[in-house]
Amino acid sequence: MRMESLNTIGRRYVCALMLLTLLLPSSLLALQEGDVAAEAAQPEEDPALVLLRQEQLARAQALQTQINDLSQTLGTYDPALIELQDDLGKTYLELEEFELAHGILEQAVQLARINDGLYAERQLDLLTSLVQANMGLQAWEQVDIYAHLLFDLQARAYEANSKAYAEALISLSDWQLQAARHNLLTRPGSQQGLQALLDLQGRYEPALVFARERNDPEQQWSLLYTMATTEVELARQLSYQNLSEFNSPAPRYVNQTVCRAVPNGNGGFQRVCWQERVSNPDYLYSASNNRRIQGDRTRMNLQATVREMEALLADNPDFAATHGGDAERELQSIGQAIKELQRDARRSSFQRW
């Protein structure tokens, strides 16, 4: 997993727990003072919004006071603190104070691990909030760490054939597609980004089989649409991939004999030959052909997924009547993406090395 060991994290945050608890009230005071300064500088706001923010600040202050009192009474590791920290973290999220939310929610996660174990289900809600806090901070690597940790715990908590597991998979996919689409974690066409999308693809089919067994057309549609958007992004990433990163049966370099006529000591010339290691032109051709084949395969998979989506609508008239408008818009967006991929494929058919 792309994160330090849970034991190391636990030791680090447990040691910082009391210090953070003492610091948070001053953060709240600074937040309230900042609001006063902001109100003086900003034009007059909606009174209802001002009142709502004041209520949220008062709630945050009351929760922090409860946490401080309870820490002194029961100790800093008491499980009763977890619920209060969860409420305080969510209040900070409502206030869009993502740094404060991140700090208090991390404390709650560590307390849950200490009291309930590393795989405690109580972490699920906390980790969901932590993902939101780090999205607000645009800390994309942290978002990725917590999103994967959340899914790993969900995979332990839910049966593979359950609706909850499929929803967790779709949620992870939404984040990874967003990260790939906007290049938040890796450069376009990187092997790491491609492998992440391929790993997602491998998880969809079993979840779709279970959704069919449950006769759940709504979740079947959600999974099929997620599959289609993943295939679109995979094709886009393949088009960006550097040819040198493709596995090719042709060697990248070959030895070539080079001969030159050089002067000798008698006033004449002699032929001298040696071996040089040079780039193999067949390697680029083979790599380009490999990329084209993978792109064609991805587009064929995408078209097969679209046909399955259309068949699902035809076989489930009740679902089509209820969700037909949204389904048609999603099909149109996928159809437009297919046209763009086909156009890009025609452009890339010319050799450009």
Protein backbone atom coordinates (compact mmCIF):
# COMPACT_ATOMS: atom_id res chain seq x y z
CA MET A 1 0.00 0.00 0.00
CA ARG A 2 1.35 3.50 -0.83
CA MET A 3 1.52 4.75 2.74
CA GLU A 4 3.69 4.28 5.80
CA SER A 5 2.87 1.42 8.14
CA LEU A 6 -0.21 1.78 10.32
CA ASN A 7 1.86 1.24 13.49
CA THR A 8 4.17 4.13 12.59
CA ILE A 9 1.20 6.40 11.89
CA GLY A 10 -0.42 5.39 15.15
CA ARG A 11 2.68 6.18 17.22
CA ARG A 12 3.11 9.54 15.52
CA TYR A 13 -0.42 10.78 15.98
CA VAL A 14 -0.94 9.37 19.46
CA CYS A 15 2.10 11.36 20.60
CA ALA A 16 0.69 14.50 18.96
CA LEU A 17 -2.87 13.97 20.22
CA MET A 18 -2.66 16.03 23.44
CA LEU A 19 -0.72 18.83 21.73
CA LEU A 20 -3.29 19.12 18.93
CA THR A 21 -6.15 19.09 21.46
CA LEU A 22 -4.59 22.06 23.27
CA LEU A 23 -3.93 23.94 20.04
CA LEU A 24 -7.38 23.55 18.47
CA PRO A 25 -9.16 26.06 20.76
CA SER A 26 -6.70 28.75 19.66
CA SER A 27 -7.42 27.75 16.06
CA LEU A 28 -11.09 28.29 16.70
CA LEU A 29 -10.38 31.70 18.23
CA ALA A 30 -8.28 32.66 15.21
CA LEU A 31 -11.05 31.41 12.95
CA GLN A 32 -13.62 33.58 14.73
CA GLU A 33 -11.30 36.62 14.63
CA GLY A 34 -10.73 35.99 10.93
CA ASP A 35 -14.46 35.94 10.37
CA VAL A 36 -14.79 39.34 12.07
CA ALA A 37 -12.06 40.81 9.85
CA ALA A 38 -13.58 39.20 6.76
CA GLU A 39 -17.01 40.59 7.58
CA ALA A 40 -15.51 44.09 7.82
CA ALA A 41 -13.77 43.75 4.43
CA GLN A 42 -16.49 41.92 2.50
CA PRO A 43 -19.76 43.39 1.22
CA GLU A 44 -22.83 42.61 3.27
CA GLU A 45 -23.81 38.93 3.08
CA ASP A 46 -27.12 37.17 3.28
CA PRO A 47 -28.19 37.41 6.95
CA ALA A 48 -29.35 33.79 6.88
CA LEU A 49 -25.89 32.61 5.79
CA VAL A 50 -24.19 34.77 8.40
CA LEU A 51 -26.46 33.34 11.09
CA LEU A 52 -25.80 29.78 9.88
CA ARG A 53 -22.04 30.29 10.03
CA GLN A 54 -22.27 31.76 13.51
CA GLU A 55 -24.26 28.74 14.63
CA GLN A 56 -21.68 26.39 13.11
CA LEU A 57 -18.84 28.26 14.84
CA ALA A 58 -20.68 28.09 18.15
CA ARG A 59 -21.25 24.38 17.65
CA ALA A 60 -17.57 23.86 16.85
CA GLN A 61 -16.56 25.76 19.99
CA ALA A 62 -18.98 23.74 22.12
CA LEU A 63 -17.70 20.45 20.69
CA GLN A 64 -14.09 21.42 21.29
CA THR A 65 -14.92 22.34 24.89
CA GLN A 66 -16.56 18.94 25.38
CA ILE A 67 -13.51 17.20 23.92
CA ASN A 68 -11.18 19.10 26.24
CA ASP A 69 -13.30 18.37 29.31
CA LEU A 70 -13.69 14.70 28.43
CA SER A 71 -9.95 14.33 27.74
CA GLN A 72 -9.15 15.67 31.20
CA THR A 73 -11.78 13.49 32.86
CA LEU A 74 -11.39 10.15 31.04
CA GLY A 75 -8.00 10.49 29.36
CA THR A 76 -6.89 11.22 25.81
CA TYR A 77 -7.46 7.64 24.57
CA ASP A 78 -11.06 7.21 25.70
CA PRO A 79 -13.32 5.92 22.87
CA ALA A 80 -16.03 8.41 23.86
CA LEU A 81 -13.89 11.11 22.20
CA ILE A 82 -14.26 9.56 18.74
CA GLU A 83 -17.88 10.57 18.20
CA LEU A 84 -17.24 14.13 19.37
CA GLN A 85 -14.19 14.44 17.10
CA ASP A 86 -16.21 13.06 14.20
CA ASP A 87 -18.91 15.70 14.78
CA LEU A 88 -16.31 18.45 15.10
CA GLY A 89 -14.55 17.35 11.90
CA LYS A 90 -17.82 17.39 9.97
CA THR A 91 -18.63 20.84 11.36
CA TYR A 92 -15.27 22.10 10.08
CA LEU A 93 -16.09 20.57 6.68
CA GLU A 94 -19.36 22.54 6.63
CA LEU A 95 -17.35 25.67 7.47
CA GLU A 96 -14.89 24.75 4.68
CA GLU A 97 -12.06 24.85 7.20
CA PHE A 98 -10.38 21.82 5.68
CA GLU A 99 -7.06 22.04 7.55
CA LEU A 100 -8.82 21.95 10.93
CA ALA A 101 -11.11 19.16 9.71
CA HIS A 102 -8.12 17.10 8.60
CA GLY A 103 -6.38 17.46 11.96
CA ILE A 104 -9.30 16.48 14.16
CA LEU A 105 -10.44 13.63 11.90
CA GLU A 106 -6.95 12.12 11.87
CA GLN A 107 -7.06 12.10 15.66
CA ALA A 108 -10.40 10.30 15.54
CA VAL A 109 -9.05 7.66 13.13
CA GLN A 110 -6.08 6.96 15.36
CA LEU A 111 -8.30 6.64 18.44
CA ALA A 112 -10.58 4.23 16.55
CA ARG A 113 -7.57 2.07 15.65
CA ILE A 114 -6.25 2.11 19.21
CA ASN A 115 -9.60 1.19 20.76
CA ASP A 116 -11.22 -1.01 18.09
CA GLY A 117 -8.32 -2.37 16.01
CA LEU A 118 -6.71 -1.53 12.66
CA TYR A 119 -9.70 -2.70 10.62
CA ALA A 120 -12.50 -1.24 12.76
CA GLU A 121 -15.60 -0.40 10.74
CA ARG A 122 -16.00 2.81 12.73
CA GLN A 123 -13.20 4.20 10.56
CA LEU A 124 -15.32 4.09 7.39
CA ASP A 125 -17.27 7.27 8.09
CA LEU A 126 -14.16 9.02 9.41
CA LEU A 127 -12.11 8.13 6.32
CA THR A 128 -14.90 9.33 4.03
CA SER A 129 -14.73 12.71 5.77
CA LEU A 130 -10.92 12.69 5.57
CA VAL A 131 -11.12 12.19 1.81
CA GLN A 132 -13.43 15.24 1.59
CA ALA A 133 -11.11 17.33 3.77
CA ASN A 134 -8.06 16.56 1.63
CA MET A 135 -10.01 17.24 -1.54
CA GLY A 136 -10.77 20.66 -0.10
CA LEU A 137 -7.05 21.12 0.56
CA GLN A 138 -6.24 19.80 -2.95
CA ALA A 139 -3.79 17.40 -1.31
CA TRP A 140 -4.22 14.84 -4.06
CA GLU A 141 -1.70 12.27 -2.84
CA GLN A 142 -3.37 12.24 0.57
CA VAL A 143 -6.76 11.89 -1.10
CA ASP A 144 -5.46 8.86 -2.97
CA ILE A 145 -4.02 7.29 0.18
CA TYR A 146 -7.22 7.70 2.17
CA ALA A 147 -9.46 6.68 -0.75
CA HIS A 148 -7.57 3.40 -1.13
CA LEU A 149 -7.48 2.81 2.62
CA LEU A 150 -11.23 3.41 2.75
CA PHE A 151 -11.86 0.93 -0.07
CA ASP A 152 -9.59 -1.69 1.52
CA LEU A 153 -11.61 -1.47 4.74
CA GLN A 154 -14.89 -1.56 2.82
CA ALA A 155 -13.74 -4.65 0.95
CA ARG A 156 -13.12 -6.30 4.33
CA ALA A 157 -16.43 -5.16 5.78
CA TYR A 158 -18.73 -5.96 2.82
CA GLU A 159 -19.36 -9.19 0.99
CA ALA A 160 -18.12 -9.17 -2.61
CA ASN A 161 -21.66 -9.91 -3.86
CA SER A 162 -23.25 -7.07 -1.87
CA LYS A 163 -24.62 -3.81 -3.17
CA ALA A 164 -22.49 -1.90 -0.65
CA TYR A 165 -19.28 -3.36 -2.11
CA ALA A 166 -20.29 -2.31 -5.64
CA GLU A 167 -21.06 1.21 -4.42
CA ALA A 168 -17.66 1.37 -2.73
CA LEU A 169 -15.99 0.26 -5.99
CA ILE A 170 -17.86 2.92 -7.98
CA SER A 171 -16.80 5.58 -5.45
CA LEU A 172 -13.13 4.58 -5.72
CA SER A 173 -13.43 4.56 -9.51
CA ASP A 174 -14.89 8.08 -9.54
CA TRP A 175 -11.84 9.37 -7.67
CA GLN A 176 -9.30 7.49 -9.79
CA LEU A 177 -10.95 8.63 -13.03
CA GLN A 178 -10.92 12.22 -11.79
CA ALA A 179 -7.24 11.90 -10.89
CA ALA A 180 -6.39 10.38 -14.30
CA ARG A 181 -8.50 12.83 -16.28
CA HIS A 182 -6.90 15.89 -14.67
CA ASN A 183 -3.40 14.36 -14.20
CA LEU A 184 -3.55 14.94 -10.44
CA LEU A 185 -1.17 12.12 -9.48
CA THR A 186 0.88 11.17 -12.54
CA ARG A 187 1.80 12.53 -15.93
CA PRO A 188 -0.43 11.59 -18.90
CA GLY A 189 0.30 8.12 -20.24
CA SER A 190 2.45 7.01 -17.30
CA GLN A 191 2.69 3.28 -16.64
CA GLN A 192 1.52 3.83 -13.07
CA GLY A 193 -1.64 5.61 -14.20
CA LEU A 194 -2.40 2.98 -16.83
CA GLN A 195 -1.93 0.16 -14.33
CA ALA A 196 -4.35 1.81 -11.90
CA LEU A 197 -7.04 1.90 -14.62
CA LEU A 198 -6.34 -1.70 -15.62
CA ASP A 199 -6.69 -2.78 -11.98
CA LEU A 200 -10.09 -1.08 -11.86
CA GLN A 201 -11.16 -2.90 -15.01
CA GLY A 202 -10.38 -6.23 -13.38
CA ARG A 203 -12.78 -5.47 -10.51
CA TYR A 204 -15.82 -4.45 -12.57
CA GLU A 205 -16.87 -7.74 -14.14
CA PRO A 206 -17.33 -9.74 -10.89
CA ALA A 207 -19.34 -6.86 -9.38
CA LEU A 208 -21.48 -6.69 -12.53
CA VAL A 209 -22.17 -10.44 -12.39
CA PHE A 210 -23.41 -10.10 -8.80
CA ALA A 211 -25.59 -7.11 -9.76
CA ARG A 212 -27.19 -9.22 -12.50
CA GLU A 213 -27.83 -12.02 -10.00
CA ARG A 214 -29.56 -9.51 -7.69
CA ASN A 215 -31.63 -8.30 -10.66
CA ASP A 216 -30.58 -4.74 -9.87
CA PRO A 217 -30.76 -2.77 -13.16
CA GLU A 218 -29.90 0.53 -11.49
CA GLN A 219 -26.61 -0.73 -10.14
CA GLN A 220 -25.92 -2.63 -13.37
CA TRP A 221 -26.25 0.67 -15.20
CA SER A 222 -23.97 2.46 -12.72
CA LEU A 223 -21.31 -0.23 -13.12
CA LEU A 224 -21.60 -0.28 -16.91
CA TYR A 225 -21.34 3.50 -17.12
CA THR A 226 -18.29 3.42 -14.83
CA MET A 227 -16.77 0.68 -17.01
CA ALA A 228 -17.37 2.78 -20.12
CA THR A 229 -15.82 5.93 -18.66
CA THR A 230 -12.83 3.89 -17.47
CA GLU A 231 -12.34 2.49 -20.99
CA VAL A 232 -12.56 6.01 -22.45
CA GLU A 233 -9.89 7.24 -20.04
CA LEU A 234 -7.74 4.16 -20.66
CA ALA A 235 -7.81 4.81 -24.41
CA ARG A 236 -6.90 8.46 -23.80
CA GLN A 237 -3.98 7.52 -21.55
CA LEU A 238 -2.74 4.96 -24.09
CA SER A 239 -2.59 7.68 -26.73
CA TYR A 240 -0.28 9.69 -24.46
CA GLN A 241 2.02 6.80 -23.57
CA ASN A 242 5.60 7.09 -24.75
CA LEU A 243 6.56 4.44 -27.31
CA SER A 244 9.65 3.56 -25.28
CA GLU A 245 7.38 2.31 -22.47
CA PHE A 246 5.68 -0.36 -24.57
CA ASN A 247 6.90 -3.92 -24.44
CA SER A 248 8.16 -4.84 -27.87
CA PRO A 249 9.51 -8.16 -29.21
CA ALA A 250 12.08 -6.22 -31.21
CA PRO A 251 15.24 -5.19 -29.31
CA ARG A 252 15.56 -1.49 -28.62
CA TYR A 253 19.19 -1.39 -29.73
CA VAL A 254 21.19 -3.42 -32.26
CA ASN A 255 24.88 -3.71 -33.05
CA GLN A 256 25.97 -2.27 -36.37
CA THR A 257 29.30 -2.68 -38.16
CA VAL A 258 30.84 0.66 -39.12
CA CYS A 259 33.87 0.89 -41.46
CA ARG A 260 36.07 3.83 -42.27
CA ALA A 261 39.12 4.40 -44.49
CA VAL A 262 41.86 5.88 -42.33
CA PRO A 263 45.41 6.98 -43.28
CA ASN A 264 48.23 4.55 -42.54
CA GLY A 265 51.86 5.33 -41.87
CA ASN A 266 52.98 4.65 -45.48
CA GLY A 267 50.95 7.48 -47.04
CA GLY A 268 48.06 5.24 -48.01
CA PHE A 269 44.75 4.24 -46.45
CA GLN A 270 43.49 1.18 -44.73
CA ARG A 271 39.95 -0.02 -43.94
CA VAL A 272 39.10 -0.11 -40.22
CA CYS A 273 35.80 -1.58 -38.95
CA TRP A 274 34.19 -1.70 -35.49
CA GLN A 275 30.84 -2.41 -33.83
CA GLU A 276 28.49 0.38 -32.72
CA ARG A 277 25.30 0.07 -30.64
CA VAL A 278 22.52 2.01 -32.38
CA SER A 279 18.76 2.42 -32.05
CA ASN A 280 16.71 -0.23 -33.80
CA PRO A 281 14.14 1.35 -36.17
CA ASP A 282 12.06 -1.84 -35.96
CA TYR A 283 11.64 -1.26 -32.25
CA LEU A 284 9.66 1.96 -32.75
CA TYR A 285 7.58 0.35 -35.46
CA SER A 286 6.79 -2.62 -33.21
CA ALA A 287 5.98 -0.37 -30.23
CA SER A 288 3.71 1.82 -32.35
CA ASN A 289 1.91 -1.25 -33.65
CA ASN A 290 1.53 -2.53 -30.08
CA ARG A 291 0.00 0.77 -28.99
CA ARG A 292 -2.40 0.71 -31.93
CA ILE A 293 -3.52 -2.84 -31.08
CA GLN A 294 -4.13 -1.94 -27.43
CA GLY A 295 -6.05 1.16 -28.44
CA ASP A 296 -8.20 -0.84 -30.88
CA ARG A 297 -8.90 -3.44 -28.20
CA THR A 298 -9.93 -0.74 -25.72
CA ARG A 299 -12.28 0.88 -28.25
CA MET A 300 -13.84 -2.50 -29.05
CA ASN A 301 -14.42 -3.13 -25.34
CA LEU A 302 -15.99 0.30 -25.05
CA GLN A 303 -18.37 -0.36 -27.95
CA ALA A 304 -19.33 -3.73 -26.39
CA THR A 305 -20.08 -1.96 -23.09
CA VAL A 306 -22.29 0.57 -24.90
CA ARG A 307 -24.24 -2.24 -26.57
CA GLU A 308 -24.76 -3.85 -23.17
CA MET A 309 -26.03 -0.53 -21.79
CA GLU A 310 -28.50 -0.23 -24.65
CA ALA A 311 -29.64 -3.82 -24.10
CA LEU A 312 -30.14 -3.12 -20.39
CA LEU A 313 -32.47 -0.23 -21.22
CA ALA A 314 -34.40 -2.37 -23.70
CA ASP A 315 -34.79 -5.28 -21.26
CA ASN A 316 -35.87 -3.14 -18.30
CA PRO A 317 -38.67 -0.79 -19.40
CA ASP A 318 -39.46 0.28 -15.82
CA PHE A 319 -35.88 1.38 -15.26
CA ALA A 320 -35.81 3.08 -18.68
CA ALA A 321 -39.03 4.96 -17.87
CA THR A 322 -37.65 6.18 -14.52
CA HIS A 323 -34.06 6.95 -15.54
CA GLY A 324 -34.38 7.26 -19.32
CA GLY A 325 -33.42 10.94 -19.51
CA ASP A 326 -30.21 10.60 -17.55
CA ALA A 327 -29.37 7.31 -19.26
CA GLU A 328 -29.72 8.84 -22.72
CA ARG A 329 -27.48 11.76 -21.79
CA GLU A 330 -24.83 9.40 -20.47
CA LEU A 331 -25.04 7.29 -23.64
CA GLN A 332 -24.66 10.41 -25.75
CA SER A 333 -21.57 11.49 -23.81
CA ILE A 334 -20.02 8.04 -24.30
CA GLY A 335 -20.95 8.10 -27.99
CA GLN A 336 -19.25 11.47 -28.39
CA ALA A 337 -16.15 10.13 -26.65
CA ILE A 338 -16.07 7.15 -29.05
CA LYS A 339 -16.17 9.50 -32.05
CA GLU A 340 -13.29 11.54 -30.63
CA LEU A 341 -11.25 8.39 -29.97
CA GLN A 342 -11.85 7.15 -33.52
CA ARG A 343 -10.77 10.50 -34.93
CA ASP A 344 -7.62 10.46 -32.79
CA ALA A 345 -6.90 6.90 -33.94
CA ARG A 346 -7.06 7.95 -37.60
CA ARG A 347 -4.70 10.83 -36.93
CA SER A 348 -2.20 8.62 -35.14
CA SER A 349 -2.19 6.03 -37.93
CA PHE A 350 0.60 8.01 -39.60
CA GLN A 351 4.12 7.17 -38.48
CA ARG A 352 5.42 10.09 -36.41
CA TRP A 353 8.88 9.03 -35.28
